[in-house]
Amino acid sequence: MTLGEPADQPSKQALPQQEAADAEDEAKRLRRLQIMMSMVSSVITQDPSLTIEEASELAAGAKRAALAMFPDKELAYDLLYKPRLQRLMRERFRLQ
């Protein structure tokens, strides 16, 4: 802190470190989301005993988990992952 700088303002060096930590945290959450969606997709396509109700619950749980990780990104989820899961369920259960 220099003279004349308010005490409640963070130093200029702390901001890049915080931004780097935030970017790293977001990258970790994004990777976790990608792995989770890959696992959900695999279960929907490969589990022979999975019912349509269980697959729907799995997809709904994945959406809840994704929105818990990224609360303000529902539109992105609906554009990226929802169509993919719907396609997998249509193919798996031969839905129209």
PDB file of N, CA and C in Angstrom:
ATOM      1  N   MET A   1       0.851  -1.176   0.000  1.00  0.00           N
ATOM      2  CA  MET A   1       0.000   0.000   0.000  1.00  0.00           C
ATOM      3  C   MET A   1       0.894   1.235   0.000  1.00  0.00           C
ATOM      4  N   THR A   2       0.505   2.217  -0.756  1.00  0.00           N
ATOM      5  CA  THR A   2       1.269   3.456  -0.828  1.00  0.00           C
ATOM      6  C   THR A   2       0.508   4.545  -0.102  1.00  0.00           C
ATOM      7  N   LEU A   3       1.179   5.642   0.134  1.00  0.00           N
ATOM      8  CA  LEU A   3       0.520   6.769   0.770  1.00  0.00           C
ATOM      9  C   LEU A   3      -0.558   7.311  -0.145  1.00  0.00           C
ATOM     10  N   GLY A   4      -1.684   7.636   0.422  1.00  0.00           N
ATOM     11  CA  GLY A   4      -2.774   8.190  -0.357  1.00  0.00           C
ATOM     12  C   GLY A   4      -3.702   7.121  -0.911  1.00  0.00           C
ATOM     13  N   GLU A   5      -3.347   5.853  -0.765  1.00  0.00           N
ATOM     14  CA  GLU A   5      -4.210   4.770  -1.238  1.00  0.00           C
ATOM     15  C   GLU A   5      -5.133   4.354  -0.099  1.00  0.00           C
ATOM     16  N   PRO A   6      -6.437   4.249  -0.344  1.00  0.00           N
ATOM     17  CA  PRO A   6      -7.355   3.869   0.721  1.00  0.00           C
ATOM     18  C   PRO A   6      -7.005   2.489   1.277  1.00  0.00           C
ATOM     19  N   ALA A   7      -7.161   2.322   2.581  1.00  0.00           N
ATOM     20  CA  ALA A   7      -6.799   1.081   3.253  1.00  0.00           C
ATOM     21  C   ALA A   7      -7.710  -0.074   2.850  1.00  0.00           C
ATOM     22  N   ASP A   8      -8.954   0.208   2.437  1.00  0.00           N
ATOM     23  CA  ASP A   8      -9.871  -0.873   2.097  1.00  0.00           C
ATOM     24  C   ASP A   8      -9.715  -1.363   0.659  1.00  0.00           C
ATOM     25  N   GLN A   9      -8.844  -0.746  -0.121  1.00  0.00           N
ATOM     26  CA  GLN A   9      -8.605  -1.169  -1.495  1.00  0.00           C
ATOM     27  C   GLN A   9      -7.519  -2.235  -1.516  1.00  0.00           C
ATOM     28  N   PRO A  10      -7.736  -3.345  -2.223  1.00  0.00           N
ATOM     29  CA  PRO A  10      -6.678  -4.347  -2.323  1.00  0.00           C
ATOM     30  C   PRO A  10      -5.521  -3.811  -3.159  1.00  0.00           C
ATOM     31  N   SER A  11      -4.358  -4.326  -2.888  1.00  0.00           N
ATOM     32  CA  SER A  11      -3.198  -3.866  -3.653  1.00  0.00           C
ATOM     33  C   SER A  11      -3.324  -4.325  -5.095  1.00  0.00           C
ATOM     34  N   LYS A  12      -2.591  -3.658  -5.976  1.00  0.00           N
ATOM     35  CA  LYS A  12      -2.670  -3.987  -7.392  1.00  0.00           C
ATOM     36  C   LYS A  12      -2.084  -5.362  -7.686  1.00  0.00           C
ATOM     37  N   GLN A  13      -1.184  -5.842  -6.844  1.00  0.00           N
ATOM     38  CA  GLN A  13      -0.596  -7.165  -7.046  1.00  0.00           C
ATOM     39  C   GLN A  13      -1.558  -8.274  -6.640  1.00  0.00           C
ATOM     40  N   ALA A  14      -2.439  -8.033  -5.707  1.00  0.00           N
ATOM     41  CA  ALA A  14      -3.369  -9.063  -5.247  1.00  0.00           C
ATOM     42  C   ALA A  14      -4.428  -9.364  -6.295  1.00  0.00           C
ATOM     43  N   LEU A  15      -4.791  -8.396  -7.118  1.00  0.00           N
ATOM     44  CA  LEU A  15      -5.827  -8.610  -8.123  1.00  0.00           C
ATOM     45  C   LEU A  15      -5.448  -9.664  -9.156  1.00  0.00           C
ATOM     46  N   PRO A  16      -4.268  -9.627  -9.776  1.00  0.00           N
ATOM     47  CA  PRO A  16      -3.930 -10.678 -10.741  1.00  0.00           C
ATOM     48  C   PRO A  16      -3.880 -12.061 -10.102  1.00  0.00           C
ATOM     49  N   GLN A  17      -3.427 -12.150  -8.864  1.00  0.00           N
ATOM     50  CA  GLN A  17      -3.391 -13.440  -8.176  1.00  0.00           C
ATOM     51  C   GLN A  17      -4.804 -13.964  -7.950  1.00  0.00           C
ATOM     52  N   GLN A  18      -5.708 -13.090  -7.567  1.00  0.00           N
ATOM     53  CA  GLN A  18      -7.098 -13.498  -7.347  1.00  0.00           C
ATOM     54  C   GLN A  18      -7.748 -13.901  -8.663  1.00  0.00           C
ATOM     55  N   GLU A  19      -7.470 -13.152  -9.725  1.00  0.00           N
ATOM     56  CA  GLU A  19      -8.017 -13.493 -11.037  1.00  0.00           C
ATOM     57  C   GLU A  19      -7.493 -14.842 -11.510  1.00  0.00           C
ATOM     58  N   ALA A  20      -6.223 -15.111 -11.256  1.00  0.00           N
ATOM     59  CA  ALA A  20      -5.636 -16.395 -11.644  1.00  0.00           C
ATOM     60  C   ALA A  20      -6.277 -17.530 -10.843  1.00  0.00           C
ATOM     61  N   ALA A  21      -6.507 -17.308  -9.558  1.00  0.00           N
ATOM     62  CA  ALA A  21      -7.149 -18.326  -8.732  1.00  0.00           C
ATOM     63  C   ALA A  21      -8.588 -18.566  -9.185  1.00  0.00           C
ATOM     64  N   ASP A  22      -9.294 -17.497  -9.532  1.00  0.00           N
ATOM     65  CA  ASP A  22     -10.667 -17.635 -10.031  1.00  0.00           C
ATOM     66  C   ASP A  22     -10.710 -18.393 -11.353  1.00  0.00           C
ATOM     67  N   ALA A  23      -9.773 -18.091 -12.240  1.00  0.00           N
ATOM     68  CA  ALA A  23      -9.718 -18.773 -13.529  1.00  0.00           C
ATOM     69  C   ALA A  23      -9.389 -20.248 -13.334  1.00  0.00           C
ATOM     70  N   GLU A  24      -8.508 -20.554 -12.416  1.00  0.00           N
ATOM     71  CA  GLU A  24      -8.156 -21.947 -12.136  1.00  0.00           C
ATOM     72  C   GLU A  24      -9.345 -22.696 -11.542  1.00  0.00           C
ATOM     73  N   ASP A  25     -10.072 -22.042 -10.644  1.00  0.00           N
ATOM     74  CA  ASP A  25     -11.259 -22.659 -10.051  1.00  0.00           C
ATOM     75  C   ASP A  25     -12.320 -22.933 -11.113  1.00  0.00           C
ATOM     76  N   GLU A  26     -12.524 -21.978 -11.999  1.00  0.00           N
ATOM     77  CA  GLU A  26     -13.506 -22.179 -13.062  1.00  0.00           C
ATOM     78  C   GLU A  26     -13.091 -23.299 -14.005  1.00  0.00           C
ATOM     79  N   ALA A  27     -11.808 -23.388 -14.305  1.00  0.00           N
ATOM     80  CA  ALA A  27     -11.314 -24.462 -15.172  1.00  0.00           C
ATOM     81  C   ALA A  27     -11.532 -25.826 -14.518  1.00  0.00           C
ATOM     82  N   LYS A  28     -11.319 -25.905 -13.213  1.00  0.00           N
ATOM     83  CA  LYS A  28     -11.548 -27.165 -12.494  1.00  0.00           C
ATOM     84  C   LYS A  28     -13.024 -27.546 -12.516  1.00  0.00           C
ATOM     85  N   ARG A  29     -13.890 -26.569 -12.272  1.00  0.00           N
ATOM     86  CA  ARG A  29     -15.332 -26.848 -12.284  1.00  0.00           C
ATOM     87  C   ARG A  29     -15.788 -27.252 -13.680  1.00  0.00           C
ATOM     88  N   LEU A  30     -15.250 -26.608 -14.701  1.00  0.00           N
ATOM     89  CA  LEU A  30     -15.613 -26.943 -16.075  1.00  0.00           C
ATOM     90  C   LEU A  30     -15.166 -28.365 -16.419  1.00  0.00           C
ATOM     91  N   ARG A  31     -13.961 -28.727 -16.027  1.00  0.00           N
ATOM     92  CA  ARG A  31     -13.473 -30.087 -16.279  1.00  0.00           C
ATOM     93  C   ARG A  31     -14.327 -31.104 -15.534  1.00  0.00           C
ATOM     94  N   ARG A  32     -14.698 -30.801 -14.302  1.00  0.00           N
ATOM     95  CA  ARG A  32     -15.560 -31.693 -13.519  1.00  0.00           C
ATOM     96  C   ARG A  32     -16.918 -31.857 -14.201  1.00  0.00           C
ATOM     97  N   LEU A  33     -17.451 -30.767 -14.729  1.00  0.00           N
ATOM     98  CA  LEU A  33     -18.728 -30.829 -15.454  1.00  0.00           C
ATOM     99  C   LEU A  33     -18.603 -31.698 -16.703  1.00  0.00           C
ATOM    100  N   GLN A  34     -17.516 -31.536 -17.447  1.00  0.00           N
ATOM    101  CA  GLN A  34     -17.319 -32.335 -18.654  1.00  0.00           C
ATOM    102  C   GLN A  34     -17.228 -33.824 -18.324  1.00  0.00           C
ATOM    103  N   ILE A  35     -16.503 -34.159 -17.269  1.00  0.00           N
ATOM    104  CA  ILE A  35     -16.383 -35.563 -16.867  1.00  0.00           C
ATOM    105  C   ILE A  35     -17.738 -36.104 -16.433  1.00  0.00           C
ATOM    106  N   MET A  36     -18.479 -35.318 -15.658  1.00  0.00           N
ATOM    107  CA  MET A  36     -19.795 -35.753 -15.197  1.00  0.00           C
ATOM    108  C   MET A  36     -20.736 -35.996 -16.375  1.00  0.00           C
ATOM    109  N   MET A  37     -20.751 -35.086 -17.334  1.00  0.00           N
ATOM    110  CA  MET A  37     -21.644 -35.251 -18.483  1.00  0.00           C
ATOM    111  C   MET A  37     -21.215 -36.438 -19.346  1.00  0.00           C
ATOM    112  N   SER A  38     -19.936 -36.684 -19.425  1.00  0.00           N
ATOM    113  CA  SER A  38     -19.450 -37.848 -20.154  1.00  0.00           C
ATOM    114  C   SER A  38     -19.908 -39.135 -19.468  1.00  0.00           C
ATOM    115  N   MET A  39     -19.851 -39.157 -18.148  1.00  0.00           N
ATOM    116  CA  MET A  39     -20.290 -40.341 -17.408  1.00  0.00           C
ATOM    117  C   MET A  39     -21.798 -40.551 -17.546  1.00  0.00           C
ATOM    118  N   VAL A  40     -22.565 -39.484 -17.462  1.00  0.00           N
ATOM    119  CA  VAL A  40     -24.018 -39.589 -17.619  1.00  0.00           C
ATOM    120  C   VAL A  40     -24.347 -40.107 -19.018  1.00  0.00           C
ATOM    121  N   SER A  41     -23.670 -39.572 -20.022  1.00  0.00           N
ATOM    122  CA  SER A  41     -23.899 -40.032 -21.395  1.00  0.00           C
ATOM    123  C   SER A  41     -23.558 -41.508 -21.538  1.00  0.00           C
ATOM    124  N   SER A  42     -22.472 -41.924 -20.942  1.00  0.00           N
ATOM    125  CA  SER A  42     -22.069 -43.326 -21.019  1.00  0.00           C
ATOM    126  C   SER A  42     -23.085 -44.242 -20.360  1.00  0.00           C
ATOM    127  N   VAL A  43     -23.581 -43.843 -19.204  1.00  0.00           N
ATOM    128  CA  VAL A  43     -24.569 -44.670 -18.508  1.00  0.00           C
ATOM    129  C   VAL A  43     -25.844 -44.775 -19.340  1.00  0.00           C
ATOM    130  N   ILE A  44     -26.298 -43.660 -19.885  1.00  0.00           N
ATOM    131  CA  ILE A  44     -27.532 -43.680 -20.684  1.00  0.00           C
ATOM    132  C   ILE A  44     -27.376 -44.600 -21.893  1.00  0.00           C
ATOM    133  N   THR A  45     -26.235 -44.576 -22.537  1.00  0.00           N
ATOM    134  CA  THR A  45     -26.063 -45.376 -23.752  1.00  0.00           C
ATOM    135  C   THR A  45     -25.671 -46.819 -23.487  1.00  0.00           C
ATOM    136  N   GLN A  46     -25.020 -47.111 -22.358  1.00  0.00           N
ATOM    137  CA  GLN A  46     -24.424 -48.431 -22.182  1.00  0.00           C
ATOM    138  C   GLN A  46     -25.072 -49.317 -21.131  1.00  0.00           C
ATOM    139  N   ASP A  47     -25.841 -48.782 -20.197  1.00  0.00           N
ATOM    140  CA  ASP A  47     -26.427 -49.609 -19.141  1.00  0.00           C
ATOM    141  C   ASP A  47     -27.683 -50.300 -19.669  1.00  0.00           C
ATOM    142  N   PRO A  48     -27.632 -51.619 -19.856  1.00  0.00           N
ATOM    143  CA  PRO A  48     -28.790 -52.308 -20.436  1.00  0.00           C
ATOM    144  C   PRO A  48     -29.999 -52.375 -19.497  1.00  0.00           C
ATOM    145  N   SER A  49     -29.777 -52.227 -18.198  1.00  0.00           N
ATOM    146  CA  SER A  49     -30.894 -52.327 -17.260  1.00  0.00           C
ATOM    147  C   SER A  49     -31.528 -50.974 -16.935  1.00  0.00           C
ATOM    148  N   LEU A  50     -31.024 -49.909 -17.530  1.00  0.00           N
ATOM    149  CA  LEU A  50     -31.525 -48.562 -17.247  1.00  0.00           C
ATOM    150  C   LEU A  50     -32.910 -48.371 -17.860  1.00  0.00           C
ATOM    151  N   THR A  51     -33.852 -47.891 -17.046  1.00  0.00           N
ATOM    152  CA  THR A  51     -35.192 -47.601 -17.549  1.00  0.00           C
ATOM    153  C   THR A  51     -35.249 -46.142 -18.001  1.00  0.00           C
ATOM    154  N   ILE A  52     -36.284 -45.806 -18.734  1.00  0.00           N
ATOM    155  CA  ILE A  52     -36.431 -44.425 -19.206  1.00  0.00           C
ATOM    156  C   ILE A  52     -36.622 -43.468 -18.024  1.00  0.00           C
ATOM    157  N   GLU A  53     -37.299 -43.930 -16.983  1.00  0.00           N
ATOM    158  CA  GLU A  53     -37.487 -43.087 -15.796  1.00  0.00           C
ATOM    159  C   GLU A  53     -36.151 -42.824 -15.106  1.00  0.00           C
ATOM    160  N   GLU A  54     -35.324 -43.859 -14.987  1.00  0.00           N
ATOM    161  CA  GLU A  54     -34.018 -43.685 -14.356  1.00  0.00           C
ATOM    162  C   GLU A  54     -33.125 -42.778 -15.193  1.00  0.00           C
ATOM    163  N   ALA A  55     -33.196 -42.921 -16.504  1.00  0.00           N
ATOM    164  CA  ALA A  55     -32.408 -42.061 -17.385  1.00  0.00           C
ATOM    165  C   ALA A  55     -32.853 -40.604 -17.260  1.00  0.00           C
ATOM    166  N   SER A  56     -34.150 -40.378 -17.146  1.00  0.00           N
ATOM    167  CA  SER A  56     -34.661 -39.016 -16.967  1.00  0.00           C
ATOM    168  C   SER A  56     -34.207 -38.434 -15.642  1.00  0.00           C
ATOM    169  N   GLU A  57     -34.231 -39.248 -14.590  1.00  0.00           N
ATOM    170  CA  GLU A  57     -33.751 -38.784 -13.285  1.00  0.00           C
ATOM    171  C   GLU A  57     -32.263 -38.476 -13.330  1.00  0.00           C
ATOM    172  N   LEU A  58     -31.520 -39.308 -14.047  1.00  0.00           N
ATOM    173  CA  LEU A  58     -30.086 -39.085 -14.193  1.00  0.00           C
ATOM    174  C   LEU A  58     -29.816 -37.762 -14.904  1.00  0.00           C
ATOM    175  N   ALA A  59     -30.551 -37.496 -15.967  1.00  0.00           N
ATOM    176  CA  ALA A  59     -30.391 -36.243 -16.711  1.00  0.00           C
ATOM    177  C   ALA A  59     -30.793 -35.043 -15.850  1.00  0.00           C
ATOM    178  N   ALA A  60     -31.863 -35.183 -15.092  1.00  0.00           N
ATOM    179  CA  ALA A  60     -32.298 -34.083 -14.213  1.00  0.00           C
ATOM    180  C   ALA A  60     -31.270 -33.825 -13.116  1.00  0.00           C
ATOM    181  N   GLY A  61     -30.709 -34.887 -12.565  1.00  0.00           N
ATOM    182  CA  GLY A  61     -29.668 -34.726 -11.549  1.00  0.00           C
ATOM    183  C   GLY A  61     -28.420 -34.074 -12.113  1.00  0.00           C
ATOM    184  N   ALA A  62     -28.082 -34.423 -13.347  1.00  0.00           N
ATOM    185  CA  ALA A  62     -26.927 -33.798 -13.996  1.00  0.00           C
ATOM    186  C   ALA A  62     -27.161 -32.308 -14.184  1.00  0.00           C
ATOM    187  N   LYS A  63     -28.374 -31.932 -14.547  1.00  0.00           N
ATOM    188  CA  LYS A  63     -28.677 -30.506 -14.717  1.00  0.00           C
ATOM    189  C   LYS A  63     -28.582 -29.774 -13.386  1.00  0.00           C
ATOM    190  N   ARG A  64     -29.123 -30.382 -12.323  1.00  0.00           N
ATOM    191  CA  ARG A  64     -29.026 -29.754 -11.001  1.00  0.00           C
ATOM    192  C   ARG A  64     -27.570 -29.572 -10.585  1.00  0.00           C
ATOM    193  N   ALA A  65     -26.756 -30.596 -10.809  1.00  0.00           N
ATOM    194  CA  ALA A  65     -25.342 -30.507 -10.439  1.00  0.00           C
ATOM    195  C   ALA A  65     -24.629 -29.448 -11.273  1.00  0.00           C
ATOM    196  N   ALA A  66     -24.931 -29.388 -12.564  1.00  0.00           N
ATOM    197  CA  ALA A  66     -24.299 -28.391 -13.430  1.00  0.00           C
ATOM    198  C   ALA A  66     -24.664 -26.983 -12.992  1.00  0.00           C
ATOM    199  N   LEU A  67     -25.926 -26.778 -12.644  1.00  0.00           N
ATOM    200  CA  LEU A  67     -26.348 -25.440 -12.221  1.00  0.00           C
ATOM    201  C   LEU A  67     -25.833 -25.096 -10.831  1.00  0.00           C
ATOM    202  N   ALA A  68     -25.536 -26.107 -10.014  1.00  0.00           N
ATOM    203  CA  ALA A  68     -24.907 -25.843  -8.720  1.00  0.00           C
ATOM    204  C   ALA A  68     -23.466 -25.363  -8.929  1.00  0.00           C
ATOM    205  N   MET A  69     -22.802 -25.915  -9.943  1.00  0.00           N
ATOM    206  CA  MET A  69     -21.428 -25.502 -10.243  1.00  0.00           C
ATOM    207  C   MET A  69     -21.381 -24.150 -10.949  1.00  0.00           C
ATOM    208  N   PHE A  70     -22.363 -23.925 -11.848  1.00  0.00           N
ATOM    209  CA  PHE A  70     -22.428 -22.688 -12.641  1.00  0.00           C
ATOM    210  C   PHE A  70     -23.849 -22.141 -12.555  1.00  0.00           C
ATOM    211  N   PRO A  71     -24.187 -21.445 -11.467  1.00  0.00           N
ATOM    212  CA  PRO A  71     -25.580 -21.043 -11.218  1.00  0.00           C
ATOM    213  C   PRO A  71     -26.203 -20.163 -12.296  1.00  0.00           C
ATOM    214  N   ASP A  72     -25.440 -19.346 -12.956  1.00  0.00           N
ATOM    215  CA  ASP A  72     -26.019 -18.395 -13.914  1.00  0.00           C
ATOM    216  C   ASP A  72     -25.898 -18.871 -15.361  1.00  0.00           C
ATOM    217  N   LYS A  73     -25.668 -20.149 -15.572  1.00  0.00           N
ATOM    218  CA  LYS A  73     -25.419 -20.661 -16.923  1.00  0.00           C
ATOM    219  C   LYS A  73     -26.469 -21.658 -17.399  1.00  0.00           C
ATOM    220  N   GLU A  74     -27.724 -21.460 -16.998  1.00  0.00           N
ATOM    221  CA  GLU A  74     -28.774 -22.381 -17.418  1.00  0.00           C
ATOM    222  C   GLU A  74     -28.975 -22.369 -18.933  1.00  0.00           C
ATOM    223  N   LEU A  75     -28.904 -21.213 -19.537  1.00  0.00           N
ATOM    224  CA  LEU A  75     -29.060 -21.136 -20.988  1.00  0.00           C
ATOM    225  C   LEU A  75     -27.953 -21.919 -21.689  1.00  0.00           C
ATOM    226  N   ALA A  76     -26.733 -21.787 -21.216  1.00  0.00           N
ATOM    227  CA  ALA A  76     -25.619 -22.531 -21.815  1.00  0.00           C
ATOM    228  C   ALA A  76     -25.846 -24.034 -21.669  1.00  0.00           C
ATOM    229  N   TYR A  77     -26.335 -24.474 -20.514  1.00  0.00           N
ATOM    230  CA  TYR A  77     -26.639 -25.893 -20.323  1.00  0.00           C
ATOM    231  C   TYR A  77     -27.718 -26.331 -21.309  1.00  0.00           C
ATOM    232  N   ASP A  78     -28.761 -25.532 -21.422  1.00  0.00           N
ATOM    233  CA  ASP A  78     -29.866 -25.885 -22.320  1.00  0.00           C
ATOM    234  C   ASP A  78     -29.434 -25.932 -23.787  1.00  0.00           C
ATOM    235  N   LEU A  79     -28.434 -25.150 -24.140  1.00  0.00           N
ATOM    236  CA  LEU A  79     -27.952 -25.148 -25.523  1.00  0.00           C
ATOM    237  C   LEU A  79     -26.930 -26.255 -25.799  1.00  0.00           C
ATOM    238  N   LEU A  80     -26.120 -26.584 -24.797  1.00  0.00           N
ATOM    239  CA  LEU A  80     -25.031 -27.528 -25.021  1.00  0.00           C
ATOM    240  C   LEU A  80     -25.366 -28.964 -24.628  1.00  0.00           C
ATOM    241  N   TYR A  81     -25.848 -29.152 -23.421  1.00  0.00           N
ATOM    242  CA  TYR A  81     -25.977 -30.509 -22.888  1.00  0.00           C
ATOM    243  C   TYR A  81     -27.375 -31.095 -23.012  1.00  0.00           C
ATOM    244  N   LYS A  82     -28.388 -30.283 -22.873  1.00  0.00           N
ATOM    245  CA  LYS A  82     -29.760 -30.802 -22.943  1.00  0.00           C
ATOM    246  C   LYS A  82     -30.057 -31.493 -24.278  1.00  0.00           C
ATOM    247  N   PRO A  83     -29.720 -30.885 -25.418  1.00  0.00           N
ATOM    248  CA  PRO A  83     -29.986 -31.582 -26.691  1.00  0.00           C
ATOM    249  C   PRO A  83     -29.215 -32.894 -26.811  1.00  0.00           C
ATOM    250  N   ARG A  84     -27.998 -32.917 -26.303  1.00  0.00           N
ATOM    251  CA  ARG A  84     -27.194 -34.135 -26.364  1.00  0.00           C
ATOM    252  C   ARG A  84     -27.846 -35.256 -25.556  1.00  0.00           C
ATOM    253  N   LEU A  85     -28.283 -34.945 -24.348  1.00  0.00           N
ATOM    254  CA  LEU A  85     -28.932 -35.961 -23.519  1.00  0.00           C
ATOM    255  C   LEU A  85     -30.268 -36.394 -24.120  1.00  0.00           C
ATOM    256  N   GLN A  86     -31.011 -35.452 -24.687  1.00  0.00           N
ATOM    257  CA  GLN A  86     -32.271 -35.811 -25.337  1.00  0.00           C
ATOM    258  C   GLN A  86     -32.035 -36.730 -26.531  1.00  0.00           C
ATOM    259  N   ARG A  87     -31.007 -36.444 -27.319  1.00  0.00           N
ATOM    260  CA  ARG A  87     -30.687 -37.294 -28.466  1.00  0.00           C
ATOM    261  C   ARG A  87     -30.305 -38.696 -28.010  1.00  0.00           C
ATOM    262  N   LEU A  88     -29.490 -38.787 -26.972  1.00  0.00           N
ATOM    263  CA  LEU A  88     -29.087 -40.097 -26.465  1.00  0.00           C
ATOM    264  C   LEU A  88     -30.289 -40.896 -25.964  1.00  0.00           C
ATOM    265  N   MET A  89     -31.203 -40.211 -25.289  1.00  0.00           N
ATOM    266  CA  MET A  89     -32.387 -40.908 -24.785  1.00  0.00           C
ATOM    267  C   MET A  89     -33.302 -41.324 -25.939  1.00  0.00           C
ATOM    268  N   ARG A  90     -33.444 -40.479 -26.958  1.00  0.00           N
ATOM    269  CA  ARG A  90     -34.245 -40.861 -28.130  1.00  0.00           C
ATOM    270  C   ARG A  90     -33.659 -42.092 -28.804  1.00  0.00           C
ATOM    271  N   GLU A  91     -32.353 -42.106 -28.983  1.00  0.00           N
ATOM    272  CA  GLU A  91     -31.705 -43.243 -29.626  1.00  0.00           C
ATOM    273  C   GLU A  91     -31.803 -44.502 -28.767  1.00  0.00           C
ATOM    274  N   ARG A  92     -31.587 -44.356 -27.484  1.00  0.00           N
ATOM    275  CA  ARG A  92     -31.561 -45.505 -26.579  1.00  0.00           C
ATOM    276  C   ARG A  92     -32.938 -46.119 -26.402  1.00  0.00           C
ATOM    277  N   PHE A  93     -33.957 -45.289 -26.247  1.00  0.00           N
ATOM    278  CA  PHE A  93     -35.300 -45.772 -25.951  1.00  0.00           C
ATOM    279  C   PHE A  93     -36.224 -45.674 -27.143  1.00  0.00           C
ATOM    280  N   ARG A  94     -35.704 -45.300 -28.304  1.00  0.00           N
ATOM    281  CA  ARG A  94     -36.457 -45.195 -29.550  1.00  0.00           C
ATOM    282  C   ARG A  94     -37.711 -44.323 -29.381  1.00  0.00           C
ATOM    283  N   LEU A  95     -37.477 -43.118 -28.856  1.00  0.00           N
ATOM    284  CA  LEU A  95     -38.567 -42.165 -28.649  1.00  0.00           C
ATOM    285  C   LEU A  95     -38.732 -41.295 -29.882  1.00  0.00           C
ATOM    286  N   GLN A  96     -39.879 -40.672 -30.014  1.00  0.00           N
ATOM    287  CA  GLN A  96     -40.124 -39.749 -31.124  1.00  0.00           C
ATOM    288  C   GLN A  96     -39.914 -38.335 -30.696  1.00  0.00           C
TER     289      GLN A  96
END
